[in-house]
Amino acid sequence: GLIAGLEQRMAANPGDAEGWRMLGWSYFQTNRHADAARAYARAIALNPDGEGYQSAYGEALVLEAGGQVTPAAAAAFAKAVARDGNDARARYFLAVRKAE
């Protein structure tokens, strides 16, 4: 029900970056990683400097790829670290990428 409500909200207000982030989080929590990545991408398009948006997007891409840190995910994590050097999720996945 929550996801359907968020989907309706975003259809009515597609310019709401935080709404897209919330929808991405909801999809992520229900293992809909491809949908989460698309929602996070919309949030980033609307607000490229949204706190945590890039690292959440990157993590959704990693899980969509079966755990592999893809080039697109690595780019998202690099942007997250450039914005906030203390972004633990981004730093972790960049280290995983290096180990791969």
N, C-alpha and C. Protein backbone atom coordinates (compact mmCIF):
# COMPACT_ATOMS: atom_id res chain seq x y z
N GLY A 1 0.80 -1.19 0.00
CA GLY A 1 0.00 0.00 0.00
C GLY A 1 0.85 1.26 0.00
N LEU A 2 1.93 1.26 0.78
CA LEU A 2 2.79 2.43 0.86
C LEU A 2 3.41 2.73 -0.50
N ILE A 3 3.89 1.71 -1.17
CA ILE A 3 4.53 1.91 -2.47
C ILE A 3 3.52 2.43 -3.48
N ALA A 4 2.34 1.85 -3.50
CA ALA A 4 1.31 2.31 -4.44
C ALA A 4 0.98 3.77 -4.19
N GLY A 5 0.89 4.15 -2.92
CA GLY A 5 0.62 5.55 -2.59
C GLY A 5 1.73 6.47 -3.05
N LEU A 6 2.99 6.05 -2.87
CA LEU A 6 4.12 6.85 -3.34
C LEU A 6 4.15 6.94 -4.86
N GLU A 7 3.83 5.84 -5.52
CA GLU A 7 3.80 5.86 -6.99
C GLU A 7 2.74 6.85 -7.49
N GLN A 8 1.58 6.86 -6.84
CA GLN A 8 0.53 7.83 -7.21
C GLN A 8 0.99 9.25 -6.94
N ARG A 9 1.64 9.46 -5.81
CA ARG A 9 2.14 10.78 -5.45
C ARG A 9 3.15 11.27 -6.49
N MET A 10 4.03 10.38 -6.94
CA MET A 10 5.04 10.78 -7.91
C MET A 10 4.44 11.02 -9.29
N ALA A 11 3.39 10.28 -9.62
CA ALA A 11 2.71 10.52 -10.89
C ALA A 11 2.07 11.90 -10.89
N ALA A 12 1.57 12.31 -9.74
CA ALA A 12 0.92 13.62 -9.62
C ALA A 12 1.93 14.75 -9.45
N ASN A 13 3.12 14.44 -8.91
CA ASN A 13 4.12 15.47 -8.63
C ASN A 13 5.51 14.95 -9.01
N PRO A 14 5.78 14.81 -10.32
CA PRO A 14 7.05 14.21 -10.75
C PRO A 14 8.28 15.07 -10.49
N GLY A 15 8.12 16.29 -10.05
CA GLY A 15 9.26 17.15 -9.77
C GLY A 15 9.73 17.11 -8.33
N ASP A 16 9.24 16.19 -7.54
CA ASP A 16 9.56 16.08 -6.12
C ASP A 16 10.74 15.13 -5.91
N ALA A 17 11.94 15.68 -5.81
CA ALA A 17 13.14 14.85 -5.67
C ALA A 17 13.08 13.97 -4.43
N GLU A 18 12.65 14.54 -3.32
CA GLU A 18 12.60 13.75 -2.07
C GLU A 18 11.57 12.64 -2.18
N GLY A 19 10.49 12.87 -2.89
CA GLY A 19 9.50 11.82 -3.12
C GLY A 19 10.09 10.67 -3.91
N TRP A 20 10.89 10.98 -4.94
CA TRP A 20 11.56 9.93 -5.71
C TRP A 20 12.54 9.16 -4.83
N ARG A 21 13.25 9.88 -3.94
CA ARG A 21 14.16 9.19 -3.03
C ARG A 21 13.40 8.23 -2.12
N MET A 22 12.28 8.69 -1.60
CA MET A 22 11.47 7.83 -0.73
C MET A 22 10.94 6.62 -1.49
N LEU A 23 10.54 6.83 -2.74
CA LEU A 23 10.06 5.71 -3.54
C LEU A 23 11.21 4.74 -3.81
N GLY A 24 12.39 5.27 -4.10
CA GLY A 24 13.56 4.42 -4.30
C GLY A 24 13.86 3.59 -3.07
N TRP A 25 13.81 4.22 -1.89
CA TRP A 25 14.04 3.51 -0.65
C TRP A 25 13.01 2.40 -0.46
N SER A 26 11.75 2.71 -0.77
CA SER A 26 10.68 1.71 -0.62
C SER A 26 10.89 0.53 -1.55
N TYR A 27 11.24 0.81 -2.80
CA TYR A 27 11.54 -0.27 -3.73
C TYR A 27 12.73 -1.09 -3.24
N PHE A 28 13.76 -0.41 -2.76
CA PHE A 28 14.96 -1.08 -2.27
C PHE A 28 14.61 -2.05 -1.14
N GLN A 29 13.78 -1.60 -0.22
CA GLN A 29 13.41 -2.42 0.94
C GLN A 29 12.61 -3.65 0.55
N THR A 30 11.99 -3.64 -0.63
CA THR A 30 11.21 -4.78 -1.09
C THR A 30 11.95 -5.54 -2.20
N ASN A 31 13.27 -5.34 -2.26
CA ASN A 31 14.15 -6.05 -3.20
C ASN A 31 13.81 -5.79 -4.67
N ARG A 32 13.25 -4.63 -4.95
CA ARG A 32 13.00 -4.21 -6.33
C ARG A 32 14.12 -3.26 -6.73
N HIS A 33 15.32 -3.80 -6.86
CA HIS A 33 16.52 -2.99 -7.02
C HIS A 33 16.56 -2.21 -8.33
N ALA A 34 16.09 -2.78 -9.42
CA ALA A 34 16.06 -2.05 -10.69
C ALA A 34 15.11 -0.86 -10.58
N ASP A 35 13.95 -1.07 -9.97
CA ASP A 35 13.00 0.03 -9.78
C ASP A 35 13.59 1.08 -8.85
N ALA A 36 14.30 0.63 -7.81
CA ALA A 36 14.93 1.56 -6.88
C ALA A 36 15.96 2.42 -7.60
N ALA A 37 16.77 1.79 -8.45
CA ALA A 37 17.79 2.54 -9.19
C ALA A 37 17.14 3.60 -10.08
N ARG A 38 16.05 3.24 -10.74
CA ARG A 38 15.36 4.21 -11.60
C ARG A 38 14.79 5.37 -10.78
N ALA A 39 14.23 5.07 -9.63
CA ALA A 39 13.67 6.13 -8.78
C ALA A 39 14.78 7.03 -8.25
N TYR A 40 15.87 6.44 -7.81
CA TYR A 40 17.00 7.25 -7.33
C TYR A 40 17.58 8.10 -8.46
N ALA A 41 17.62 7.56 -9.67
CA ALA A 41 18.13 8.33 -10.81
C ALA A 41 17.25 9.56 -11.05
N ARG A 42 15.94 9.40 -10.90
CA ARG A 42 15.03 10.55 -11.05
C ARG A 42 15.29 11.58 -9.96
N ALA A 43 15.52 11.12 -8.73
CA ALA A 43 15.80 12.04 -7.63
C ALA A 43 17.08 12.81 -7.91
N ILE A 44 18.10 12.12 -8.40
CA ILE A 44 19.38 12.77 -8.70
C ILE A 44 19.22 13.77 -9.84
N ALA A 45 18.43 13.43 -10.84
CA ALA A 45 18.21 14.36 -11.96
C ALA A 45 17.59 15.66 -11.47
N LEU A 46 16.72 15.55 -10.48
CA LEU A 46 16.05 16.73 -9.94
C LEU A 46 16.89 17.48 -8.92
N ASN A 47 17.71 16.74 -8.16
CA ASN A 47 18.53 17.35 -7.11
C ASN A 47 19.87 16.61 -7.03
N PRO A 48 20.82 16.96 -7.91
CA PRO A 48 22.10 16.25 -7.95
C PRO A 48 22.87 16.27 -6.64
N ASP A 49 22.59 17.24 -5.77
CA ASP A 49 23.31 17.35 -4.51
C ASP A 49 22.53 16.81 -3.32
N GLY A 50 21.48 16.05 -3.58
CA GLY A 50 20.69 15.49 -2.48
C GLY A 50 21.53 14.57 -1.62
N GLU A 51 21.48 14.78 -0.33
CA GLU A 51 22.32 14.01 0.59
C GLU A 51 21.97 12.53 0.55
N GLY A 52 22.96 11.72 0.24
CA GLY A 52 22.79 10.27 0.20
C GLY A 52 22.20 9.73 -1.08
N TYR A 53 21.78 10.60 -2.00
CA TYR A 53 21.14 10.14 -3.22
C TYR A 53 22.09 9.29 -4.06
N GLN A 54 23.32 9.78 -4.27
CA GLN A 54 24.26 9.07 -5.14
C GLN A 54 24.63 7.70 -4.57
N SER A 55 24.90 7.64 -3.27
CA SER A 55 25.32 6.35 -2.71
C SER A 55 24.16 5.36 -2.68
N ALA A 56 22.94 5.83 -2.45
CA ALA A 56 21.78 4.95 -2.49
C ALA A 56 21.57 4.42 -3.91
N TYR A 57 21.72 5.30 -4.88
CA TYR A 57 21.62 4.90 -6.30
C TYR A 57 22.68 3.85 -6.62
N GLY A 58 23.91 4.10 -6.21
CA GLY A 58 24.98 3.15 -6.46
C GLY A 58 24.71 1.80 -5.84
N GLU A 59 24.24 1.79 -4.61
CA GLU A 59 23.97 0.51 -3.95
C GLU A 59 22.86 -0.25 -4.67
N ALA A 60 21.83 0.46 -5.12
CA ALA A 60 20.76 -0.20 -5.88
C ALA A 60 21.32 -0.81 -7.16
N LEU A 61 22.23 -0.10 -7.82
CA LEU A 61 22.86 -0.64 -9.03
C LEU A 61 23.69 -1.88 -8.72
N VAL A 62 24.41 -1.87 -7.60
CA VAL A 62 25.21 -3.04 -7.20
C VAL A 62 24.30 -4.24 -6.98
N LEU A 63 23.23 -4.07 -6.26
CA LEU A 63 22.35 -5.20 -5.97
C LEU A 63 21.62 -5.66 -7.23
N GLU A 64 21.29 -4.72 -8.11
CA GLU A 64 20.68 -5.09 -9.38
C GLU A 64 21.64 -5.96 -10.20
N ALA A 65 22.94 -5.71 -10.06
CA ALA A 65 23.97 -6.45 -10.80
C ALA A 65 24.45 -7.68 -10.04
N GLY A 66 23.70 -8.11 -9.06
CA GLY A 66 24.06 -9.33 -8.34
C GLY A 66 25.24 -9.18 -7.41
N GLY A 67 25.52 -7.96 -6.97
CA GLY A 67 26.60 -7.73 -6.02
C GLY A 67 27.86 -7.16 -6.64
N GLN A 68 27.89 -7.02 -7.94
CA GLN A 68 29.08 -6.48 -8.62
C GLN A 68 29.00 -4.95 -8.64
N VAL A 69 30.12 -4.31 -8.33
CA VAL A 69 30.19 -2.86 -8.40
C VAL A 69 30.47 -2.49 -9.86
N THR A 70 29.42 -2.16 -10.58
CA THR A 70 29.51 -1.83 -12.00
C THR A 70 30.17 -0.46 -12.18
N PRO A 71 30.60 -0.15 -13.38
CA PRO A 71 31.16 1.19 -13.63
C PRO A 71 30.17 2.31 -13.27
N ALA A 72 28.90 2.12 -13.58
CA ALA A 72 27.90 3.15 -13.24
C ALA A 72 27.78 3.31 -11.74
N ALA A 73 27.81 2.21 -11.01
CA ALA A 73 27.73 2.27 -9.55
C ALA A 73 28.98 2.94 -8.99
N ALA A 74 30.15 2.59 -9.51
CA ALA A 74 31.40 3.20 -9.04
C ALA A 74 31.39 4.70 -9.28
N ALA A 75 30.84 5.12 -10.42
CA ALA A 75 30.75 6.56 -10.71
C ALA A 75 29.84 7.25 -9.70
N ALA A 76 28.73 6.61 -9.34
CA ALA A 76 27.82 7.19 -8.35
C ALA A 76 28.51 7.30 -6.99
N PHE A 77 29.25 6.27 -6.62
CA PHE A 77 29.95 6.31 -5.33
C PHE A 77 31.04 7.38 -5.33
N ALA A 78 31.74 7.53 -6.45
CA ALA A 78 32.77 8.57 -6.54
C ALA A 78 32.15 9.96 -6.38
N LYS A 79 30.99 10.18 -6.99
CA LYS A 79 30.29 11.46 -6.84
C LYS A 79 29.86 11.67 -5.39
N ALA A 80 29.41 10.59 -4.75
CA ALA A 80 28.99 10.69 -3.35
C ALA A 80 30.17 11.07 -2.45
N VAL A 81 31.32 10.46 -2.67
CA VAL A 81 32.50 10.76 -1.86
C VAL A 81 33.00 12.17 -2.14
N ALA A 82 32.91 12.61 -3.39
CA ALA A 82 33.32 13.98 -3.72
C ALA A 82 32.44 14.99 -2.99
N ARG A 83 31.17 14.65 -2.82
CA ARG A 83 30.25 15.53 -2.11
C ARG A 83 30.46 15.46 -0.60
N ASP A 84 30.66 14.23 -0.11
CA ASP A 84 30.82 14.00 1.33
C ASP A 84 31.83 12.88 1.53
N GLY A 85 33.04 13.25 1.88
CA GLY A 85 34.11 12.28 2.08
C GLY A 85 33.85 11.28 3.18
N ASN A 86 32.85 11.53 4.02
CA ASN A 86 32.51 10.61 5.12
C ASN A 86 31.36 9.68 4.78
N ASP A 87 30.92 9.65 3.53
CA ASP A 87 29.81 8.78 3.13
C ASP A 87 30.29 7.33 3.24
N ALA A 88 29.93 6.68 4.32
CA ALA A 88 30.44 5.34 4.60
C ALA A 88 30.02 4.31 3.55
N ARG A 89 28.80 4.40 3.08
CA ARG A 89 28.33 3.43 2.08
C ARG A 89 29.16 3.57 0.80
N ALA A 90 29.37 4.79 0.35
CA ALA A 90 30.14 5.02 -0.87
C ALA A 90 31.59 4.56 -0.69
N ARG A 91 32.17 4.88 0.45
CA ARG A 91 33.56 4.47 0.70
C ARG A 91 33.68 2.95 0.73
N TYR A 92 32.72 2.29 1.35
CA TYR A 92 32.73 0.83 1.42
C TYR A 92 32.70 0.23 0.01
N PHE A 93 31.75 0.68 -0.80
CA PHE A 93 31.62 0.09 -2.13
C PHE A 93 32.78 0.44 -3.05
N LEU A 94 33.39 1.60 -2.87
CA LEU A 94 34.60 1.90 -3.63
C LEU A 94 35.73 0.96 -3.24
N ALA A 95 35.81 0.60 -1.96
CA ALA A 95 36.81 -0.37 -1.51
C ALA A 95 36.51 -1.76 -2.09
N VAL A 96 35.25 -2.13 -2.13
CA VAL A 96 34.86 -3.40 -2.74
C VAL A 96 35.27 -3.41 -4.21
N ARG A 97 35.00 -2.30 -4.89
CA ARG A 97 35.37 -2.18 -6.32
C ARG A 97 36.88 -2.37 -6.48
N LYS A 98 37.65 -1.75 -5.62
CA LYS A 98 39.10 -1.87 -5.69
C LYS A 98 39.52 -3.33 -5.48
N ALA A 99 38.87 -4.01 -4.54
CA ALA A 99 39.20 -5.40 -4.26
C ALA A 99 38.80 -6.32 -5.43
N GLU A 100 37.77 -5.93 -6.16
CA GLU A 100 37.35 -6.75 -7.31
C GLU A 100 38.41 -6.71 -8.39
